[in-house]
Amino acid sequence: MNFKIGDKVKFLNENDYGTVVRVLNNQTVIVLNSDDFEIPVNMSELILENDNQVSNKNKKEEKTFQPIKTNIEERNIVYQKPNFSSFDKPKSRNSESYGFYLGFLPENDKNPLQENLEMYLINDSDYKILYNILSTSKQKENLFVAESGILEDNTKAYIKTIKREDLNDISGFKFQFLFSKEEPFEIKKPEEYSLKISPQKFFIASYYKVNDFFDENAVIFTIQENSAIQNKIKELSKEEIIKEKEQKTKQKVFKKPPEKEVVDLHLVELLDDDRGMTPKEKLDYQIKVFREKLEEYIKDPYVKKVVFIHGKGNGTLKSEVRRCLDLHYKRYQYQDASFEEYGGGATLVYVK
């Protein structure tokens, strides 16, 4: 008889029942029994059981992040290859929220600082991952493969046991993950993560903490995690950066203009070539520019005064500038501009 995940089953040779949580091959399935242990069972030793035949009062309450039991004999049964244990997660969770962790569990939690440590890879995501773990050693510069395999979504797998005397030789791990799902999904690029390990943490009791993955206290290292909250924080951070850049741009664009402007009326500043022009034509052009600039800055709300550089020369341009001011711009006061700055060759006009 073929079984599928979620089938309620009874054992032929013992008075027990359970649920199929994984299909290993065409002969063997993993069953979560009434004691909350996942055990491999030959299909020939099981029969299907209708949901209404199981009394609700006999069912065990489901647990989030179903922990691994630490009894050695029970663990050996559970972790016959493939070595994994599942934990329940809400199916409506956003697939882009995920977490990958490396957990270290003492063989005996009553004396964690003296015991060897069991290492687990934890896949808290909706993706099945093909993983490759490479460990780095302080004694050996080259990387070597520690373990590889397939880890189902929302499961954890026992990798190996590390002897207490070997802990100081650990410097870190590299992880290579390839992601997949049984149902249609958007392709996710393979990822590679690095994790540095501080061996001293294994020798400090306070680092063995309550966690979501085991009943016992364990040391948990984060390989990589991504949550909706973290994404929101990143988005807000990006928005803040954009706002800050926009603010700086506005400050540059709307920087208050200077209150004084300077206009040089020398022909070399106004024309590329004045050859062929008569002296009167040259003077008329200079006065024309003078009046245009003066009118422009009178209308400018920020400019309060304008310096017109006319030079000393024979005084013709200076005289004509001042005659124009007396005749057409009587309401605006003027005087000689700073001698130190312009050497007596400029007129300062107050336009505000």
Protein backbone atom coordinates (compact mmCIF):
# COMPACT_ATOMS: atom_id res chain seq x y z
CA MET A 1 0.00 0.00 0.00
CA ASN A 2 1.24 3.48 -0.85
CA PHE A 3 1.23 6.20 1.78
CA LYS A 4 1.50 9.96 1.44
CA ILE A 5 2.41 12.77 3.82
CA GLY A 6 -0.41 13.50 6.27
CA ASP A 7 -1.91 9.98 6.24
CA LYS A 8 -3.14 8.78 9.65
CA VAL A 9 -1.82 5.26 10.25
CA LYS A 10 -1.88 2.47 12.82
CA PHE A 11 0.91 0.00 13.58
CA LEU A 12 0.12 -3.66 12.89
CA ASN A 13 2.44 -5.11 15.54
CA GLU A 14 1.77 -2.70 18.39
CA ASN A 15 -1.03 -0.63 19.86
CA ASP A 16 0.02 2.75 18.54
CA TYR A 17 -0.88 5.25 15.86
CA GLY A 18 0.74 8.20 14.11
CA THR A 19 1.01 10.48 11.08
CA VAL A 20 3.20 10.10 8.01
CA VAL A 21 5.53 13.13 7.88
CA ARG A 22 7.99 12.02 5.19
CA VAL A 23 8.25 9.38 2.46
CA LEU A 24 11.79 8.04 2.21
CA ASN A 25 11.36 5.57 -0.64
CA ASN A 26 8.80 3.12 -2.03
CA GLN A 27 9.14 0.90 1.06
CA THR A 28 9.83 3.19 4.04
CA VAL A 29 8.13 6.25 5.54
CA ILE A 30 8.84 8.43 8.59
CA VAL A 31 5.97 8.37 11.10
CA LEU A 32 5.38 10.82 13.96
CA ASN A 33 4.00 8.47 16.63
CA SER A 34 1.83 9.21 19.67
CA ASP A 35 4.93 9.97 21.77
CA ASP A 36 6.02 12.68 19.29
CA PHE A 37 8.96 10.65 17.97
CA GLU A 38 9.73 10.44 14.27
CA ILE A 39 10.64 6.86 13.39
CA PRO A 40 11.29 5.04 10.10
CA VAL A 41 8.69 2.30 9.46
CA ASN A 42 8.27 -0.25 6.68
CA MET A 43 4.99 0.35 4.85
CA SER A 44 4.04 -3.31 5.28
CA GLU A 45 3.81 -2.73 9.07
CA LEU A 46 1.21 0.06 8.71
CA ILE A 47 -2.47 0.42 7.84
CA LEU A 48 -4.45 3.52 6.99
CA GLU A 49 -6.72 4.86 9.70
CA ASN A 50 -9.70 7.20 9.18
CA ASP A 51 -9.53 10.51 11.02
CA ASN A 52 -12.78 9.78 12.88
CA GLN A 53 -11.34 6.60 14.33
CA VAL A 54 -8.76 8.48 16.34
CA SER A 55 -10.05 9.99 19.54
CA ASN A 56 -9.16 13.64 19.80
CA LYS A 57 -8.44 13.28 23.48
CA ASN A 58 -5.64 10.81 22.73
CA LYS A 59 -3.90 13.07 20.27
CA LYS A 60 -0.86 14.94 21.47
CA GLU A 61 -0.96 18.70 21.17
CA GLU A 62 1.20 19.82 18.25
CA LYS A 63 4.39 21.66 19.15
CA THR A 64 6.07 24.49 17.34
CA PHE A 65 9.69 23.67 16.44
CA GLN A 66 9.38 20.02 17.57
CA PRO A 67 12.59 19.47 19.58
CA ILE A 68 14.95 16.55 19.32
CA LYS A 69 14.92 14.25 22.37
CA THR A 70 18.26 13.81 24.04
CA ASN A 71 17.93 10.16 25.06
CA ILE A 72 20.80 8.53 23.17
CA GLU A 73 18.94 5.36 22.17
CA GLU A 74 15.93 7.35 20.95
CA ARG A 75 18.19 9.73 19.04
CA ASN A 76 19.94 6.89 17.29
CA ILE A 77 16.58 5.66 16.04
CA VAL A 78 15.47 9.09 14.85
CA TYR A 79 18.75 9.94 13.17
CA GLN A 80 19.26 6.92 11.03
CA LYS A 81 20.01 8.35 7.59
CA PRO A 82 18.52 10.69 6.46
CA ASN A 83 19.01 12.62 9.67
CA PHE A 84 16.35 15.27 10.09
CA SER A 85 13.56 16.41 12.39
CA SER A 86 10.73 18.68 11.35
CA PHE A 87 9.07 21.51 13.19
CA ASP A 88 5.74 23.12 12.39
CA LYS A 89 5.57 26.60 10.86
CA PRO A 90 2.55 28.61 9.62
CA LYS A 91 1.98 27.74 5.99
CA SER A 92 0.88 31.30 5.19
CA ARG A 93 4.34 32.67 5.99
CA ASN A 94 5.98 34.82 3.33
CA SER A 95 8.52 32.63 1.52
CA GLU A 96 10.96 35.50 1.48
CA SER A 97 11.18 35.32 5.28
CA TYR A 98 13.72 32.69 6.22
CA GLY A 99 16.43 31.75 8.66
CA PHE A 100 19.34 29.32 8.59
CA TYR A 101 21.13 28.48 11.83
CA LEU A 102 23.84 26.25 13.23
CA GLY A 103 22.99 24.74 16.61
CA PHE A 104 25.26 23.02 19.13
CA LEU A 105 23.55 20.77 21.68
CA PRO A 106 25.43 19.17 24.61
CA GLU A 107 25.09 15.39 24.79
CA ASN A 108 24.14 15.89 28.43
CA ASP A 109 22.52 19.25 29.20
CA LYS A 110 23.13 18.82 32.94
CA ASN A 111 26.83 19.37 32.43
CA PRO A 112 27.13 21.34 29.15
CA LEU A 113 30.64 22.66 29.77
CA GLN A 114 32.11 19.14 29.99
CA GLU A 115 30.14 17.29 27.31
CA ASN A 116 30.76 16.75 23.62
CA LEU A 117 28.53 18.83 21.34
CA GLU A 118 26.14 17.63 18.66
CA MET A 119 26.01 19.97 15.68
CA TYR A 120 22.70 20.58 13.84
CA LEU A 121 21.89 22.48 10.67
CA ILE A 122 18.52 24.26 11.03
CA ASN A 123 16.43 25.21 7.99
CA ASP A 124 13.73 27.63 9.15
CA SER A 125 12.37 28.37 5.67
CA ASP A 126 9.80 27.19 3.14
CA TYR A 127 12.54 25.93 0.82
CA LYS A 128 14.07 22.48 0.60
CA ILE A 129 17.83 22.99 0.47
CA LEU A 130 20.67 20.98 -0.98
CA TYR A 131 23.48 21.87 1.39
CA ASN A 132 27.23 21.57 1.47
CA ILE A 133 29.11 22.45 4.67
CA LEU A 134 32.82 23.19 4.60
CA SER A 135 34.63 23.69 7.87
CA THR A 136 37.73 25.76 8.45
CA SER A 137 40.38 24.78 10.92
CA LYS A 138 43.01 26.86 12.70
CA GLN A 139 45.49 24.07 12.06
CA LYS A 140 44.70 23.64 8.35
CA GLU A 141 44.40 26.53 5.94
CA ASN A 142 42.54 24.56 3.27
CA LEU A 143 38.82 23.92 3.44
CA PHE A 144 37.42 20.43 3.63
CA VAL A 145 33.89 19.13 3.30
CA ALA A 146 32.28 18.35 6.65
CA GLU A 147 28.87 17.19 5.43
CA SER A 148 26.49 17.48 2.49
CA GLY A 149 22.91 16.41 1.93
CA ILE A 150 19.30 17.50 1.48
CA LEU A 151 17.35 19.26 4.23
CA GLU A 152 13.59 19.61 3.91
CA ASP A 153 11.79 22.87 4.63
CA ASN A 154 11.26 23.71 8.33
CA THR A 155 13.53 20.93 9.54
CA LYS A 156 16.81 20.47 11.33
CA ALA A 157 19.42 17.80 10.71
CA TYR A 158 22.04 16.24 12.94
CA ILE A 159 25.41 16.77 11.23
CA LYS A 160 28.04 15.30 13.57
CA THR A 161 29.33 15.22 17.14
CA ILE A 162 32.31 17.40 18.00
CA LYS A 163 34.56 16.31 20.83
CA ARG A 164 35.12 18.82 23.59
CA GLU A 165 38.90 18.76 23.08
CA ASP A 166 38.49 19.64 19.39
CA LEU A 167 36.39 22.79 19.94
CA ASN A 168 39.35 25.16 20.12
CA ASP A 169 40.44 24.08 16.65
CA ILE A 170 37.21 25.34 15.05
CA SER A 171 37.41 28.76 13.39
CA GLY A 172 34.36 28.76 11.17
CA PHE A 173 32.23 27.20 8.45
CA LYS A 174 31.19 27.92 4.90
CA PHE A 175 27.74 26.93 3.64
CA GLN A 176 26.57 26.39 0.08
CA PHE A 177 22.78 26.19 -0.38
CA LEU A 178 20.71 25.30 -3.44
CA PHE A 179 16.98 26.01 -3.03
CA SER A 180 13.92 24.16 -4.35
CA LYS A 181 10.24 23.47 -3.65
CA GLU A 182 7.82 20.74 -4.60
CA GLU A 183 5.17 23.23 -5.80
CA PRO A 184 5.83 25.92 -8.46
CA PHE A 185 8.12 28.67 -7.18
CA GLU A 186 10.31 31.51 -8.35
CA ILE A 187 13.88 30.38 -8.90
CA LYS A 188 16.19 31.46 -6.09
CA LYS A 189 19.88 31.77 -6.85
CA PRO A 190 22.29 29.45 -4.99
CA GLU A 191 23.75 31.16 -1.96
CA GLU A 192 27.06 30.89 -0.12
CA TYR A 193 27.43 32.02 3.48
CA SER A 194 30.36 32.26 5.86
CA LEU A 195 30.13 31.88 9.62
CA LYS A 196 32.92 32.63 12.07
CA ILE A 197 32.87 30.63 15.29
CA SER A 198 34.17 31.86 18.64
CA PRO A 199 35.20 28.65 20.48
CA GLN A 200 35.22 30.42 23.86
CA LYS A 201 31.42 30.58 23.73
CA PHE A 202 31.27 26.81 24.21
CA PHE A 203 33.07 27.17 27.54
CA ILE A 204 30.74 29.82 29.00
CA ALA A 205 27.48 28.60 30.52
CA SER A 206 25.54 31.80 29.71
CA TYR A 207 25.83 31.12 25.97
CA TYR A 208 23.71 27.96 26.31
CA LYS A 209 20.30 29.58 26.00
CA VAL A 210 16.64 28.71 25.69
CA ASN A 211 15.75 28.58 22.00
CA ASP A 212 12.98 27.73 19.54
CA PHE A 213 14.54 24.58 18.14
CA PHE A 214 15.40 22.35 21.13
CA ASP A 215 13.94 21.50 24.51
CA GLU A 216 17.40 21.92 26.01
CA ASN A 217 19.57 25.02 26.16
CA ALA A 218 21.89 25.23 23.16
CA VAL A 219 24.38 27.54 21.46
CA ILE A 220 22.75 28.89 18.29
CA PHE A 221 24.67 30.73 15.57
CA THR A 222 22.85 32.62 12.82
CA ILE A 223 24.08 31.69 9.36
CA GLN A 224 21.65 34.00 7.55
CA GLU A 225 18.17 35.28 8.20
CA ASN A 226 15.71 37.51 6.45
CA SER A 227 12.34 38.62 7.79
CA ALA A 228 9.55 40.93 6.74
CA ILE A 229 10.46 43.22 9.65
CA GLN A 230 14.11 43.34 8.59
CA ASN A 231 13.06 44.08 5.01
CA LYS A 232 10.85 46.90 6.25
CA ILE A 233 13.75 48.33 8.25
CA LYS A 234 15.96 48.14 5.15
CA GLU A 235 13.28 49.85 3.08
CA LEU A 236 12.90 52.57 5.71
CA SER A 237 16.68 52.98 5.81
CA LYS A 238 16.74 53.38 2.03
CA GLU A 239 13.91 55.92 2.24
CA GLU A 240 15.81 57.86 4.90
CA ILE A 241 18.93 57.88 2.71
CA ILE A 242 16.90 59.10 -0.27
CA LYS A 243 15.24 61.81 1.84
CA GLU A 244 18.61 62.92 3.19
CA LYS A 245 20.02 63.15 -0.35
CA GLU A 246 16.94 65.08 -1.50
CA GLN A 247 17.30 67.44 1.45
CA LYS A 248 20.95 68.08 0.63
CA THR A 249 20.01 68.67 -3.01
CA LYS A 250 17.34 71.15 -1.98
CA GLN A 251 19.80 72.93 0.26
CA LYS A 252 22.18 73.27 -2.67
CA VAL A 253 19.49 74.31 -5.14
CA PHE A 254 17.76 76.76 -2.82
CA LYS A 255 20.87 78.19 -1.25
CA LYS A 256 20.31 81.87 -0.52
CA PRO A 257 21.91 84.00 -3.25
CA PRO A 258 24.48 86.65 -2.31
CA GLU A 259 23.20 90.13 -1.44
CA LYS A 260 25.84 91.84 -3.61
CA GLU A 261 26.51 91.36 -7.31
CA VAL A 262 29.44 92.62 -9.37
CA VAL A 263 29.22 93.63 -13.06
CA ASP A 264 32.39 94.37 -15.05
CA LEU A 265 31.64 96.88 -17.82
CA HIS A 266 35.00 96.58 -19.57
CA LEU A 267 34.50 95.73 -23.22
CA VAL A 268 36.87 92.77 -23.03
CA GLU A 269 34.40 91.22 -20.57
CA LEU A 270 31.34 92.04 -22.66
CA LEU A 271 32.44 91.40 -26.26
CA ASP A 272 34.64 88.84 -27.94
CA ASP A 273 35.71 91.37 -30.54
CA ASP A 274 35.07 95.15 -30.58
CA ARG A 275 37.07 95.89 -33.70
CA GLY A 276 35.21 98.09 -36.16
CA MET A 277 33.20 99.83 -33.47
CA THR A 278 33.45 103.57 -33.01
CA PRO A 279 34.11 105.01 -29.51
CA LYS A 280 30.48 106.18 -29.31
CA GLU A 281 29.20 102.70 -30.28
CA LYS A 282 31.38 101.15 -27.61
CA LEU A 283 30.16 103.57 -24.95
CA ASP A 284 26.52 103.11 -25.97
CA TYR A 285 26.90 99.33 -25.70
CA GLN A 286 28.45 99.57 -22.22
CA ILE A 287 25.61 101.83 -21.00
CA LYS A 288 23.07 99.45 -22.54
CA VAL A 289 24.56 96.53 -20.53
CA PHE A 290 24.69 98.74 -17.43
CA ARG A 291 20.96 99.52 -17.61
CA GLU A 292 19.98 95.89 -18.39
CA LYS A 293 21.92 94.56 -15.41
CA LEU A 294 20.66 97.29 -13.11
CA GLU A 295 17.03 96.56 -14.11
CA GLU A 296 17.63 92.84 -13.57
CA TYR A 297 18.98 93.25 -10.04
CA ILE A 298 16.32 95.79 -9.08
CA LYS A 299 13.75 93.04 -9.68
CA ASP A 300 15.80 90.39 -7.87
CA PRO A 301 14.39 90.02 -4.31
CA TYR A 302 17.73 88.96 -2.82
CA VAL A 303 20.20 91.43 -4.30
CA LYS A 304 20.58 94.62 -2.25
CA LYS A 305 23.56 96.26 -3.95
CA VAL A 306 25.45 96.09 -7.24
CA VAL A 307 29.02 97.08 -7.99
CA PHE A 308 29.65 98.31 -11.56
CA ILE A 309 33.31 98.22 -12.54
CA HIS A 310 33.96 100.95 -15.11
CA GLY A 311 37.67 101.53 -14.55
CA LYS A 312 39.54 104.78 -14.17
CA GLY A 313 40.58 105.59 -17.71
CA ASN A 314 39.60 109.09 -18.77
CA GLY A 315 36.45 108.88 -16.67
CA THR A 316 34.05 108.93 -19.62
CA LEU A 317 32.27 105.65 -18.77
CA LYS A 318 32.15 106.54 -15.06
CA SER A 319 30.62 109.91 -15.83
CA GLU A 320 28.06 108.42 -18.18
CA VAL A 321 27.08 105.74 -15.62
CA ARG A 322 26.49 108.31 -12.94
CA ARG A 323 24.68 110.67 -15.34
CA CYS A 324 22.34 107.81 -16.20
CA LEU A 325 21.72 107.10 -12.51
CA ASP A 326 20.94 110.78 -11.80
CA LEU A 327 18.62 111.00 -14.78
CA HIS A 328 16.75 107.66 -14.83
CA TYR A 329 17.29 106.07 -11.39
CA LYS A 330 16.99 108.95 -8.95
CA ARG A 331 15.49 106.79 -6.19
CA TYR A 332 18.62 104.61 -5.92
CA GLN A 333 21.59 105.88 -3.98
CA TYR A 334 25.16 105.30 -5.18
CA GLN A 335 28.72 105.95 -4.08
CA ASP A 336 32.31 104.97 -4.86
CA ALA A 337 32.90 101.26 -4.28
CA SER A 338 35.60 100.06 -1.89
CA PHE A 339 38.94 101.52 -2.89
CA GLU A 340 40.77 98.52 -1.40
CA GLU A 341 38.82 96.15 -3.63
CA TYR A 342 38.39 98.14 -6.83
CA GLY A 343 41.00 100.87 -6.65
CA GLY A 344 38.57 103.74 -7.28
CA GLY A 345 37.37 102.28 -10.58
CA ALA A 346 33.86 101.16 -9.54
CA THR A 347 30.48 102.54 -8.45
CA LEU A 348 28.29 100.91 -5.77
CA VAL A 349 24.52 101.19 -6.33
CA TYR A 350 21.98 100.34 -3.60
CA VAL A 351 18.98 98.71 -5.26
CA LYS A 352 17.11 97.85 -2.02
